[in-house]
Amino acid sequence: MSTLPLMFKKEGLVEKHQIEGVDPSDRYFSRAILVNRTASGYASKTMYEALTVEGGSHSTIIAAVKELVEKLQGLGFTRMRTRVNFKGTRYLAEKETWIDYADRP
């Protein structure tokens, strides 16, 4: 097992974000988004009940999270917002600002 800090790992979990919103059956939800470093950038993943949604690799963490939100919107999720909860093992949630995503027309 590597003892390198997560920010120096070539691949693996680097951040955890929180996502909140309303699911297609009009229920409020809150879940974790896992952001992993990949060979070509960053990819995100979340699970909601039996649904697992994964994004492709992006050059930035923001783009990886945004793609995941857009995929959920395509499935009928609305009123979503995200924020960083953990960078590596450092807890940040109450210090970070929420990012709101406009619903699709």
N, C-alpha and C. Protein backbone atom coordinates (compact mmCIF):
# COMPACT_ATOMS: atom_id res chain seq x y z
N MET A 1 0.83 -1.18 0.00
CA MET A 1 0.00 0.00 0.00
C MET A 1 0.88 1.24 0.00
N SER A 2 0.52 2.18 -0.86
CA SER A 2 1.30 3.40 -0.99
C SER A 2 1.03 4.35 0.19
N THR A 3 2.06 5.03 0.64
CA THR A 3 1.88 6.02 1.69
C THR A 3 1.90 7.44 1.13
N LEU A 4 1.93 7.58 -0.19
CA LEU A 4 1.91 8.90 -0.81
C LEU A 4 0.58 9.59 -0.55
N PRO A 5 0.59 10.91 -0.34
CA PRO A 5 -0.68 11.63 -0.23
C PRO A 5 -1.50 11.44 -1.51
N LEU A 6 -2.82 11.51 -1.39
CA LEU A 6 -3.69 11.28 -2.54
C LEU A 6 -3.38 12.20 -3.71
N MET A 7 -2.97 13.44 -3.44
CA MET A 7 -2.71 14.37 -4.54
C MET A 7 -1.53 13.95 -5.40
N PHE A 8 -0.66 13.07 -4.90
CA PHE A 8 0.49 12.61 -5.68
C PHE A 8 0.26 11.26 -6.34
N LYS A 9 -0.85 10.61 -6.04
CA LYS A 9 -1.13 9.33 -6.66
C LYS A 9 -1.37 9.51 -8.15
N LYS A 10 -0.91 8.56 -8.94
CA LYS A 10 -1.16 8.63 -10.37
C LYS A 10 -2.62 8.36 -10.68
N GLU A 11 -3.23 7.42 -9.97
CA GLU A 11 -4.63 7.11 -10.18
C GLU A 11 -5.27 6.81 -8.84
N GLY A 12 -6.58 7.03 -8.72
CA GLY A 12 -7.31 6.73 -7.50
C GLY A 12 -8.14 7.90 -7.03
N LEU A 13 -8.84 7.70 -5.92
CA LEU A 13 -9.75 8.69 -5.36
C LEU A 13 -8.99 9.93 -4.90
N VAL A 14 -9.43 11.13 -5.39
CA VAL A 14 -8.78 12.38 -4.99
C VAL A 14 -9.73 13.33 -4.28
N GLU A 15 -11.03 13.27 -4.60
CA GLU A 15 -12.00 14.13 -3.95
C GLU A 15 -13.34 13.42 -3.81
N LYS A 16 -14.12 13.87 -2.81
CA LYS A 16 -15.52 13.45 -2.67
C LYS A 16 -16.36 14.72 -2.67
N HIS A 17 -17.38 14.72 -3.49
CA HIS A 17 -18.30 15.85 -3.56
C HIS A 17 -19.66 15.38 -3.05
N GLN A 18 -20.47 16.30 -2.62
CA GLN A 18 -21.84 16.00 -2.24
C GLN A 18 -22.74 16.55 -3.34
N ILE A 19 -23.74 15.76 -3.73
CA ILE A 19 -24.74 16.22 -4.69
C ILE A 19 -26.10 16.12 -4.03
N GLU A 20 -26.90 17.17 -4.22
CA GLU A 20 -28.26 17.20 -3.69
C GLU A 20 -29.19 17.60 -4.82
N GLY A 21 -30.44 17.19 -4.72
CA GLY A 21 -31.42 17.57 -5.72
C GLY A 21 -32.71 16.80 -5.52
N VAL A 22 -33.47 16.71 -6.60
CA VAL A 22 -34.75 16.02 -6.59
C VAL A 22 -34.72 14.93 -7.66
N ASP A 23 -35.11 13.70 -7.27
CA ASP A 23 -35.07 12.59 -8.22
C ASP A 23 -36.31 12.61 -9.12
N PRO A 24 -36.36 11.73 -10.13
CA PRO A 24 -37.49 11.74 -11.07
C PRO A 24 -38.85 11.48 -10.42
N SER A 25 -38.90 10.87 -9.25
CA SER A 25 -40.18 10.64 -8.57
C SER A 25 -40.48 11.74 -7.54
N ASP A 26 -39.78 12.88 -7.68
CA ASP A 26 -40.00 14.08 -6.88
C ASP A 26 -39.61 13.92 -5.41
N ARG A 27 -38.59 13.11 -5.15
CA ARG A 27 -38.05 12.96 -3.79
C ARG A 27 -36.71 13.66 -3.70
N TYR A 28 -36.46 14.34 -2.58
CA TYR A 28 -35.17 14.96 -2.33
C TYR A 28 -34.12 13.86 -2.15
N PHE A 29 -32.89 14.09 -2.64
CA PHE A 29 -31.81 13.14 -2.42
C PHE A 29 -30.51 13.86 -2.13
N SER A 30 -29.60 13.17 -1.48
CA SER A 30 -28.26 13.64 -1.20
C SER A 30 -27.33 12.43 -1.28
N ARG A 31 -26.32 12.52 -2.11
CA ARG A 31 -25.38 11.40 -2.30
C ARG A 31 -23.96 11.93 -2.44
N ALA A 32 -23.02 11.02 -2.41
CA ALA A 32 -21.61 11.35 -2.64
C ALA A 32 -21.24 11.13 -4.10
N ILE A 33 -20.40 12.00 -4.61
CA ILE A 33 -19.78 11.81 -5.92
C ILE A 33 -18.31 11.51 -5.64
N LEU A 34 -17.83 10.42 -6.16
CA LEU A 34 -16.42 10.06 -6.01
C LEU A 34 -15.68 10.53 -7.25
N VAL A 35 -14.62 11.30 -7.06
CA VAL A 35 -13.81 11.79 -8.18
C VAL A 35 -12.47 11.08 -8.13
N ASN A 36 -12.17 10.35 -9.19
CA ASN A 36 -10.93 9.59 -9.28
C ASN A 36 -10.00 10.17 -10.32
N ARG A 37 -8.72 10.13 -10.02
CA ARG A 37 -7.72 10.49 -11.03
C ARG A 37 -7.54 9.27 -11.92
N THR A 38 -7.55 9.51 -13.22
CA THR A 38 -7.34 8.44 -14.20
C THR A 38 -6.06 8.73 -14.96
N ALA A 39 -5.70 7.83 -15.85
CA ALA A 39 -4.49 8.03 -16.64
C ALA A 39 -4.58 9.30 -17.51
N SER A 40 -5.81 9.70 -17.87
CA SER A 40 -5.96 10.86 -18.76
C SER A 40 -6.71 12.03 -18.12
N GLY A 41 -6.86 12.06 -16.80
CA GLY A 41 -7.53 13.19 -16.16
C GLY A 41 -8.31 12.78 -14.93
N TYR A 42 -9.60 13.16 -14.89
CA TYR A 42 -10.47 12.89 -13.74
C TYR A 42 -11.80 12.34 -14.22
N ALA A 43 -12.34 11.39 -13.47
CA ALA A 43 -13.65 10.80 -13.77
C ALA A 43 -14.46 10.76 -12.49
N SER A 44 -15.78 10.89 -12.63
CA SER A 44 -16.65 10.91 -11.45
C SER A 44 -17.67 9.78 -11.53
N LYS A 45 -18.20 9.45 -10.33
CA LYS A 45 -19.15 8.34 -10.23
C LYS A 45 -20.04 8.58 -9.02
N THR A 46 -21.33 8.24 -9.16
CA THR A 46 -22.24 8.28 -8.02
C THR A 46 -23.22 7.12 -8.12
N MET A 47 -23.81 6.77 -7.00
CA MET A 47 -24.81 5.71 -6.97
C MET A 47 -26.06 6.26 -6.29
N TYR A 48 -27.21 5.95 -6.89
CA TYR A 48 -28.49 6.35 -6.31
C TYR A 48 -29.42 5.15 -6.42
N GLU A 49 -29.75 4.58 -5.28
CA GLU A 49 -30.53 3.34 -5.22
C GLU A 49 -29.85 2.30 -6.12
N ALA A 50 -30.54 1.75 -7.12
CA ALA A 50 -29.93 0.73 -7.99
C ALA A 50 -29.20 1.34 -9.18
N LEU A 51 -29.17 2.65 -9.28
CA LEU A 51 -28.59 3.36 -10.42
C LEU A 51 -27.15 3.76 -10.12
N THR A 52 -26.23 3.41 -11.02
CA THR A 52 -24.84 3.87 -10.94
C THR A 52 -24.59 4.72 -12.18
N VAL A 53 -24.11 5.94 -11.97
CA VAL A 53 -23.83 6.84 -13.08
C VAL A 53 -22.35 7.19 -13.03
N GLU A 54 -21.68 6.99 -14.17
CA GLU A 54 -20.25 7.28 -14.27
C GLU A 54 -20.00 8.20 -15.46
N GLY A 55 -19.05 9.09 -15.29
CA GLY A 55 -18.66 9.98 -16.37
C GLY A 55 -17.36 9.53 -16.99
N GLY A 56 -17.05 10.12 -18.11
CA GLY A 56 -15.78 9.84 -18.78
C GLY A 56 -14.66 10.66 -18.16
N SER A 57 -13.49 10.55 -18.74
CA SER A 57 -12.33 11.25 -18.22
C SER A 57 -12.30 12.69 -18.76
N HIS A 58 -11.98 13.64 -17.87
CA HIS A 58 -11.91 15.06 -18.22
C HIS A 58 -10.61 15.65 -17.68
N SER A 59 -10.22 16.79 -18.23
CA SER A 59 -8.97 17.41 -17.80
C SER A 59 -9.09 18.10 -16.44
N THR A 60 -10.33 18.42 -16.02
CA THR A 60 -10.51 19.06 -14.71
C THR A 60 -11.57 18.32 -13.89
N ILE A 61 -11.50 18.50 -12.59
CA ILE A 61 -12.49 17.90 -11.69
C ILE A 61 -13.86 18.54 -11.92
N ILE A 62 -13.88 19.86 -12.13
CA ILE A 62 -15.14 20.56 -12.36
C ILE A 62 -15.87 19.99 -13.57
N ALA A 63 -15.15 19.73 -14.65
CA ALA A 63 -15.76 19.17 -15.86
C ALA A 63 -16.28 17.75 -15.60
N ALA A 64 -15.55 16.98 -14.82
CA ALA A 64 -15.98 15.60 -14.52
C ALA A 64 -17.27 15.60 -13.71
N VAL A 65 -17.39 16.50 -12.73
CA VAL A 65 -18.60 16.59 -11.91
C VAL A 65 -19.76 17.12 -12.76
N LYS A 66 -19.50 18.12 -13.59
CA LYS A 66 -20.55 18.69 -14.44
C LYS A 66 -21.13 17.64 -15.38
N GLU A 67 -20.29 16.80 -15.96
CA GLU A 67 -20.80 15.76 -16.84
C GLU A 67 -21.73 14.82 -16.09
N LEU A 68 -21.37 14.47 -14.87
CA LEU A 68 -22.21 13.58 -14.07
C LEU A 68 -23.57 14.22 -13.79
N VAL A 69 -23.58 15.51 -13.46
CA VAL A 69 -24.83 16.23 -13.23
C VAL A 69 -25.68 16.21 -14.50
N GLU A 70 -25.06 16.46 -15.64
CA GLU A 70 -25.80 16.47 -16.91
C GLU A 70 -26.39 15.10 -17.23
N LYS A 71 -25.67 14.04 -16.90
CA LYS A 71 -26.21 12.69 -17.11
C LYS A 71 -27.43 12.46 -16.22
N LEU A 72 -27.35 12.90 -14.98
CA LEU A 72 -28.50 12.76 -14.08
C LEU A 72 -29.68 13.60 -14.57
N GLN A 73 -29.40 14.80 -15.06
CA GLN A 73 -30.47 15.63 -15.61
C GLN A 73 -31.16 14.92 -16.77
N GLY A 74 -30.39 14.24 -17.59
CA GLY A 74 -30.95 13.49 -18.71
C GLY A 74 -31.85 12.35 -18.26
N LEU A 75 -31.68 11.92 -17.02
CA LEU A 75 -32.51 10.84 -16.45
C LEU A 75 -33.70 11.40 -15.67
N GLY A 76 -33.85 12.74 -15.64
CA GLY A 76 -35.00 13.34 -14.98
C GLY A 76 -34.73 13.94 -13.62
N PHE A 77 -33.49 14.00 -13.17
CA PHE A 77 -33.16 14.62 -11.89
C PHE A 77 -33.16 16.15 -12.07
N THR A 78 -33.59 16.89 -11.04
CA THR A 78 -33.69 18.35 -11.14
C THR A 78 -33.15 19.01 -9.87
N ARG A 79 -33.08 20.35 -9.93
CA ARG A 79 -32.67 21.20 -8.80
C ARG A 79 -31.39 20.70 -8.11
N MET A 80 -30.40 20.39 -8.90
CA MET A 80 -29.17 19.83 -8.35
C MET A 80 -28.14 20.89 -8.00
N ARG A 81 -27.36 20.56 -6.99
CA ARG A 81 -26.23 21.38 -6.58
C ARG A 81 -25.17 20.45 -6.03
N THR A 82 -23.90 20.90 -6.10
CA THR A 82 -22.78 20.10 -5.60
C THR A 82 -21.82 20.99 -4.82
N ARG A 83 -21.01 20.34 -3.99
CA ARG A 83 -19.89 21.02 -3.33
C ARG A 83 -18.86 19.95 -2.94
N VAL A 84 -17.64 20.40 -2.77
CA VAL A 84 -16.57 19.50 -2.35
C VAL A 84 -16.74 19.20 -0.87
N ASN A 85 -16.70 17.92 -0.51
CA ASN A 85 -16.72 17.53 0.90
C ASN A 85 -15.33 17.16 1.41
N PHE A 86 -14.57 16.43 0.60
CA PHE A 86 -13.23 15.99 0.99
C PHE A 86 -12.25 16.20 -0.16
N LYS A 87 -11.08 16.73 0.15
CA LYS A 87 -9.94 16.75 -0.76
C LYS A 87 -8.93 15.85 -0.11
N GLY A 88 -8.72 14.68 -0.69
CA GLY A 88 -7.91 13.68 -0.02
C GLY A 88 -8.64 13.25 1.24
N THR A 89 -8.02 13.38 2.38
CA THR A 89 -8.68 13.03 3.64
C THR A 89 -9.12 14.27 4.42
N ARG A 90 -8.89 15.44 3.85
CA ARG A 90 -9.24 16.70 4.52
C ARG A 90 -10.72 17.04 4.30
N TYR A 91 -11.48 17.20 5.37
CA TYR A 91 -12.91 17.52 5.32
C TYR A 91 -13.09 19.01 5.08
N LEU A 92 -13.90 19.38 4.07
CA LEU A 92 -14.06 20.78 3.69
C LEU A 92 -15.50 21.27 3.63
N ALA A 93 -16.47 20.41 3.72
CA ALA A 93 -17.85 20.71 3.33
C ALA A 93 -18.38 22.05 3.81
N GLU A 94 -18.23 22.37 5.05
CA GLU A 94 -18.83 23.59 5.54
C GLU A 94 -18.09 24.84 5.08
N LYS A 95 -16.91 24.67 4.53
CA LYS A 95 -16.13 25.81 4.06
C LYS A 95 -16.33 26.06 2.56
N GLU A 96 -16.84 25.09 1.86
CA GLU A 96 -16.97 25.19 0.40
C GLU A 96 -18.34 25.72 -0.01
N THR A 97 -18.36 26.40 -1.13
CA THR A 97 -19.59 26.98 -1.67
C THR A 97 -20.30 25.97 -2.55
N TRP A 98 -21.63 25.97 -2.48
CA TRP A 98 -22.43 25.12 -3.36
C TRP A 98 -22.38 25.66 -4.78
N ILE A 99 -22.37 24.74 -5.74
CA ILE A 99 -22.51 25.09 -7.16
C ILE A 99 -23.88 24.61 -7.58
N ASP A 100 -24.72 25.55 -8.02
CA ASP A 100 -26.08 25.22 -8.47
C ASP A 100 -26.06 24.99 -9.98
N TYR A 101 -26.86 24.02 -10.43
CA TYR A 101 -26.96 23.70 -11.85
C TYR A 101 -28.39 23.97 -12.30
N ALA A 102 -28.51 24.76 -13.37
CA ALA A 102 -29.83 25.09 -13.91
C ALA A 102 -30.46 23.83 -14.49
N ASP A 103 -31.77 23.68 -14.27
CA ASP A 103 -32.48 22.55 -14.85
C ASP A 103 -32.53 22.69 -16.36
N ARG A 104 -32.63 21.57 -17.03
CA ARG A 104 -32.77 21.58 -18.49
C ARG A 104 -34.17 22.09 -18.84
N PRO A 105 -34.24 22.86 -19.94
CA PRO A 105 -35.57 23.38 -20.35
C PRO A 105 -36.50 22.26 -20.79
